[in-house]
Amino acid sequence: MSKLELKDTLFCALTAEKDLTTLYNTAANEAMNVELAEEFLTILSETHEAQYDIFKETHKRGFYPTPLADETKIQELKQKFCKCTNK
Protein backbone atom coordinates (compact mmCIF):
# COMPACT_ATOMS: atom_id res chain seq x y z
CA MET A 1 0.00 0.00 0.00
CA SER A 2 1.40 3.39 -0.96
CA LYS A 3 1.66 6.26 1.49
CA LEU A 4 -1.19 8.06 -0.27
CA GLU A 5 -3.40 4.97 -0.16
CA LEU A 6 -2.63 4.51 3.54
CA LYS A 7 -3.44 8.15 4.24
CA ASP A 8 -6.73 7.89 2.34
CA THR A 9 -7.62 4.66 4.14
CA LEU A 10 -6.89 6.13 7.56
CA PHE A 11 -8.90 9.28 6.81
CA CYS A 12 -11.84 7.22 5.55
CA ALA A 13 -11.72 5.11 8.72
CA LEU A 14 -11.47 8.23 10.88
CA THR A 15 -14.46 9.81 9.15
CA ALA A 16 -16.48 6.60 9.50
CA GLU A 17 -15.74 6.39 13.24
CA LYS A 18 -16.71 10.04 13.73
CA ASP A 19 -19.97 9.43 11.89
CA LEU A 20 -20.65 6.33 13.99
CA THR A 21 -20.17 8.28 17.23
CA THR A 22 -22.83 10.72 16.08
CA LEU A 23 -25.25 7.91 15.26
CA TYR A 24 -24.65 5.98 18.50
CA ASN A 25 -24.99 9.18 20.52
CA THR A 26 -28.37 9.88 18.92
CA ALA A 27 -29.46 6.28 19.46
CA ALA A 28 -28.50 6.45 23.14
CA ASN A 29 -30.34 9.74 23.58
CA GLU A 30 -33.51 8.40 21.99
CA ALA A 31 -33.58 4.87 23.38
CA MET A 32 -36.78 4.21 25.31
CA ASN A 33 -35.32 1.26 27.20
CA VAL A 34 -32.63 1.81 29.87
CA GLU A 35 -30.74 -1.38 29.03
CA LEU A 36 -30.70 -0.49 25.35
CA ALA A 37 -29.51 3.05 26.11
CA GLU A 38 -26.71 1.65 28.28
CA GLU A 39 -25.67 -0.70 25.48
CA PHE A 40 -25.56 2.18 23.01
CA LEU A 41 -23.44 4.14 25.49
CA THR A 42 -21.02 1.23 25.79
CA ILE A 43 -20.75 0.98 22.02
CA LEU A 44 -20.37 4.77 21.82
CA SER A 45 -17.45 4.65 24.23
CA GLU A 46 -15.79 1.84 22.25
CA THR A 47 -16.31 3.81 19.04
CA HIS A 48 -14.69 6.90 20.58
CA GLU A 49 -11.72 4.75 21.57
CA ALA A 50 -11.41 3.36 18.03
CA GLN A 51 -11.68 6.86 16.59
CA TYR A 52 -8.94 8.10 18.91
CA ASP A 53 -6.68 5.16 18.02
CA ILE A 54 -7.06 5.97 14.33
CA PHE A 55 -6.46 9.65 15.02
CA LYS A 56 -3.25 8.83 16.92
CA GLU A 57 -2.06 6.69 14.00
CA THR A 58 -2.75 9.43 11.45
CA HIS A 59 -1.00 11.94 13.69
CA LYS A 60 1.99 9.63 14.29
CA ARG A 61 2.45 9.21 10.54
CA GLY A 62 2.29 12.98 9.96
CA PHE A 63 -1.02 12.85 8.11
CA TYR A 64 -2.94 14.86 10.74
CA PRO A 65 -0.66 17.51 12.23
CA THR A 66 -1.94 19.27 15.32
CA PRO A 67 -0.06 22.47 16.11
CA LEU A 68 0.32 23.48 19.73
CA ALA A 69 -2.10 26.11 20.93
CA ASP A 70 -0.84 29.54 21.86
CA GLU A 71 -1.03 30.03 25.66
CA THR A 72 -2.71 33.43 25.20
CA LYS A 73 -5.47 31.84 23.09
CA ILE A 74 -5.97 29.12 25.70
CA GLN A 75 -6.44 31.71 28.44
CA GLU A 76 -8.85 33.73 26.27
CA LEU A 77 -10.97 30.62 25.64
CA LYS A 78 -10.98 29.71 29.33
CA GLN A 79 -12.25 33.18 30.20
CA LYS A 80 -14.85 33.07 27.43
CA PHE A 81 -16.27 29.72 28.54
CA CYS A 82 -16.16 30.57 32.24
CA LYS A 83 -18.36 33.57 31.44
CA CYS A 84 -20.78 31.32 29.56
CA THR A 85 -21.12 28.82 32.42
CA ASN A 86 -21.52 31.51 35.10
CA LYS A 87 -24.65 33.05 33.56
C-alpha atoms as a PDB file:
ATOM      1  CA  MET A   1       0.000   0.000   0.000  1.00  0.00           C
ATOM      2  CA  SER A   2       1.401   3.387  -0.965  1.00  0.00           C
ATOM      3  CA  LYS A   3       1.662   6.258   1.493  1.00  0.00           C
ATOM      4  CA  LEU A   4      -1.191   8.063  -0.267  1.00  0.00           C
ATOM      5  CA  GLU A   5      -3.399   4.966  -0.160  1.00  0.00           C
ATOM      6  CA  LEU A   6      -2.626   4.511   3.536  1.00  0.00           C
ATOM      7  CA  LYS A   7      -3.441   8.154   4.241  1.00  0.00           C
ATOM      8  CA  ASP A   8      -6.729   7.890   2.342  1.00  0.00           C
ATOM      9  CA  THR A   9      -7.621   4.656   4.137  1.00  0.00           C
ATOM     10  CA  LEU A  10      -6.894   6.134   7.558  1.00  0.00           C
ATOM     11  CA  PHE A  11      -8.902   9.275   6.810  1.00  0.00           C
ATOM     12  CA  CYS A  12     -11.844   7.219   5.546  1.00  0.00           C
ATOM     13  CA  ALA A  13     -11.722   5.107   8.716  1.00  0.00           C
ATOM     14  CA  LEU A  14     -11.475   8.230  10.878  1.00  0.00           C
ATOM     15  CA  THR A  15     -14.463   9.808   9.153  1.00  0.00           C
ATOM     16  CA  ALA A  16     -16.479   6.602   9.504  1.00  0.00           C
ATOM     17  CA  GLU A  17     -15.745   6.385  13.241  1.00  0.00           C
ATOM     18  CA  LYS A  18     -16.707  10.044  13.731  1.00  0.00           C
ATOM     19  CA  ASP A  19     -19.972   9.433  11.891  1.00  0.00           C
ATOM     20  CA  LEU A  20     -20.651   6.331  13.994  1.00  0.00           C
ATOM     21  CA  THR A  21     -20.165   8.282  17.230  1.00  0.00           C
ATOM     22  CA  THR A  22     -22.831  10.718  16.075  1.00  0.00           C
ATOM     23  CA  LEU A  23     -25.246   7.910  15.263  1.00  0.00           C
ATOM     24  CA  TYR A  24     -24.653   5.985  18.498  1.00  0.00           C
ATOM     25  CA  ASN A  25     -24.994   9.176  20.525  1.00  0.00           C
ATOM     26  CA  THR A  26     -28.370   9.883  18.921  1.00  0.00           C
ATOM     27  CA  ALA A  27     -29.458   6.277  19.456  1.00  0.00           C
ATOM     28  CA  ALA A  28     -28.498   6.446  23.139  1.00  0.00           C
ATOM     29  CA  ASN A  29     -30.341   9.741  23.575  1.00  0.00           C
ATOM     30  CA  GLU A  30     -33.514   8.403  21.987  1.00  0.00           C
ATOM     31  CA  ALA A  31     -33.581   4.868  23.380  1.00  0.00           C
ATOM     32  CA  MET A  32     -36.785   4.209  25.307  1.00  0.00           C
ATOM     33  CA  ASN A  33     -35.323   1.264  27.201  1.00  0.00           C
ATOM     34  CA  VAL A  34     -32.630   1.806  29.870  1.00  0.00           C
ATOM     35  CA  GLU A  35     -30.740  -1.379  29.030  1.00  0.00           C
ATOM     36  CA  LEU A  36     -30.702  -0.493  25.351  1.00  0.00           C
ATOM     37  CA  ALA A  37     -29.515   3.048  26.107  1.00  0.00           C
ATOM     38  CA  GLU A  38     -26.713   1.654  28.281  1.00  0.00           C
ATOM     39  CA  GLU A  39     -25.671  -0.704  25.476  1.00  0.00           C
ATOM     40  CA  PHE A  40     -25.557   2.178  23.013  1.00  0.00           C
ATOM     41  CA  LEU A  41     -23.438   4.144  25.489  1.00  0.00           C
ATOM     42  CA  THR A  42     -21.015   1.227  25.793  1.00  0.00           C
ATOM     43  CA  ILE A  43     -20.747   0.975  22.020  1.00  0.00           C
ATOM     44  CA  LEU A  44     -20.374   4.770  21.817  1.00  0.00           C
ATOM     45  CA  SER A  45     -17.446   4.647  24.229  1.00  0.00           C
ATOM     46  CA  GLU A  46     -15.793   1.844  22.251  1.00  0.00           C
ATOM     47  CA  THR A  47     -16.311   3.805  19.044  1.00  0.00           C
ATOM     48  CA  HIS A  48     -14.692   6.895  20.579  1.00  0.00           C
ATOM     49  CA  GLU A  49     -11.720   4.746  21.571  1.00  0.00           C
ATOM     50  CA  ALA A  50     -11.413   3.365  18.030  1.00  0.00           C
ATOM     51  CA  GLN A  51     -11.681   6.865  16.591  1.00  0.00           C
ATOM     52  CA  TYR A  52      -8.941   8.100  18.913  1.00  0.00           C
ATOM     53  CA  ASP A  53      -6.680   5.161  18.021  1.00  0.00           C
ATOM     54  CA  ILE A  54      -7.060   5.966  14.328  1.00  0.00           C
ATOM     55  CA  PHE A  55      -6.464   9.655  15.019  1.00  0.00           C
ATOM     56  CA  LYS A  56      -3.250   8.831  16.924  1.00  0.00           C
ATOM     57  CA  GLU A  57      -2.059   6.691  13.998  1.00  0.00           C
ATOM     58  CA  THR A  58      -2.748   9.433  11.448  1.00  0.00           C
ATOM     59  CA  HIS A  59      -0.996  11.935  13.689  1.00  0.00           C
ATOM     60  CA  LYS A  60       1.988   9.633  14.288  1.00  0.00           C
ATOM     61  CA  ARG A  61       2.455   9.215  10.535  1.00  0.00           C
ATOM     62  CA  GLY A  62       2.292  12.977   9.960  1.00  0.00           C
ATOM     63  CA  PHE A  63      -1.025  12.851   8.108  1.00  0.00           C
ATOM     64  CA  TYR A  64      -2.937  14.862  10.738  1.00  0.00           C
ATOM     65  CA  PRO A  65      -0.663  17.515  12.230  1.00  0.00           C
ATOM     66  CA  THR A  66      -1.941  19.274  15.317  1.00  0.00           C
ATOM     67  CA  PRO A  67      -0.065  22.473  16.112  1.00  0.00           C
ATOM     68  CA  LEU A  68       0.322  23.476  19.726  1.00  0.00           C
ATOM     69  CA  ALA A  69      -2.104  26.110  20.926  1.00  0.00           C
ATOM     70  CA  ASP A  70      -0.839  29.538  21.864  1.00  0.00           C
ATOM     71  CA  GLU A  71      -1.034  30.028  25.660  1.00  0.00           C
ATOM     72  CA  THR A  72      -2.712  33.432  25.197  1.00  0.00           C
ATOM     73  CA  LYS A  73      -5.467  31.842  23.088  1.00  0.00           C
ATOM     74  CA  ILE A  74      -5.971  29.122  25.697  1.00  0.00           C
ATOM     75  CA  GLN A  75      -6.444  31.712  28.439  1.00  0.00           C
ATOM     76  CA  GLU A  76      -8.846  33.728  26.269  1.00  0.00           C
ATOM     77  CA  LEU A  77     -10.972  30.622  25.636  1.00  0.00           C
ATOM     78  CA  LYS A  78     -10.984  29.712  29.331  1.00  0.00           C
ATOM     79  CA  GLN A  79     -12.248  33.180  30.202  1.00  0.00           C
ATOM     80  CA  LYS A  80     -14.849  33.071  27.434  1.00  0.00           C
ATOM     81  CA  PHE A  81     -16.268  29.715  28.541  1.00  0.00           C
ATOM     82  CA  CYS A  82     -16.156  30.570  32.237  1.00  0.00           C
ATOM     83  CA  LYS A  83     -18.363  33.572  31.442  1.00  0.00           C
ATOM     84  CA  CYS A  84     -20.776  31.316  29.563  1.00  0.00           C
ATOM     85  CA  THR A  85     -21.117  28.824  32.418  1.00  0.00           C
ATOM     86  CA  ASN A  86     -21.517  31.510  35.097  1.00  0.00           C
ATOM     87  CA  LYS A  87     -24.654  33.052  33.556  1.00  0.00           C
END
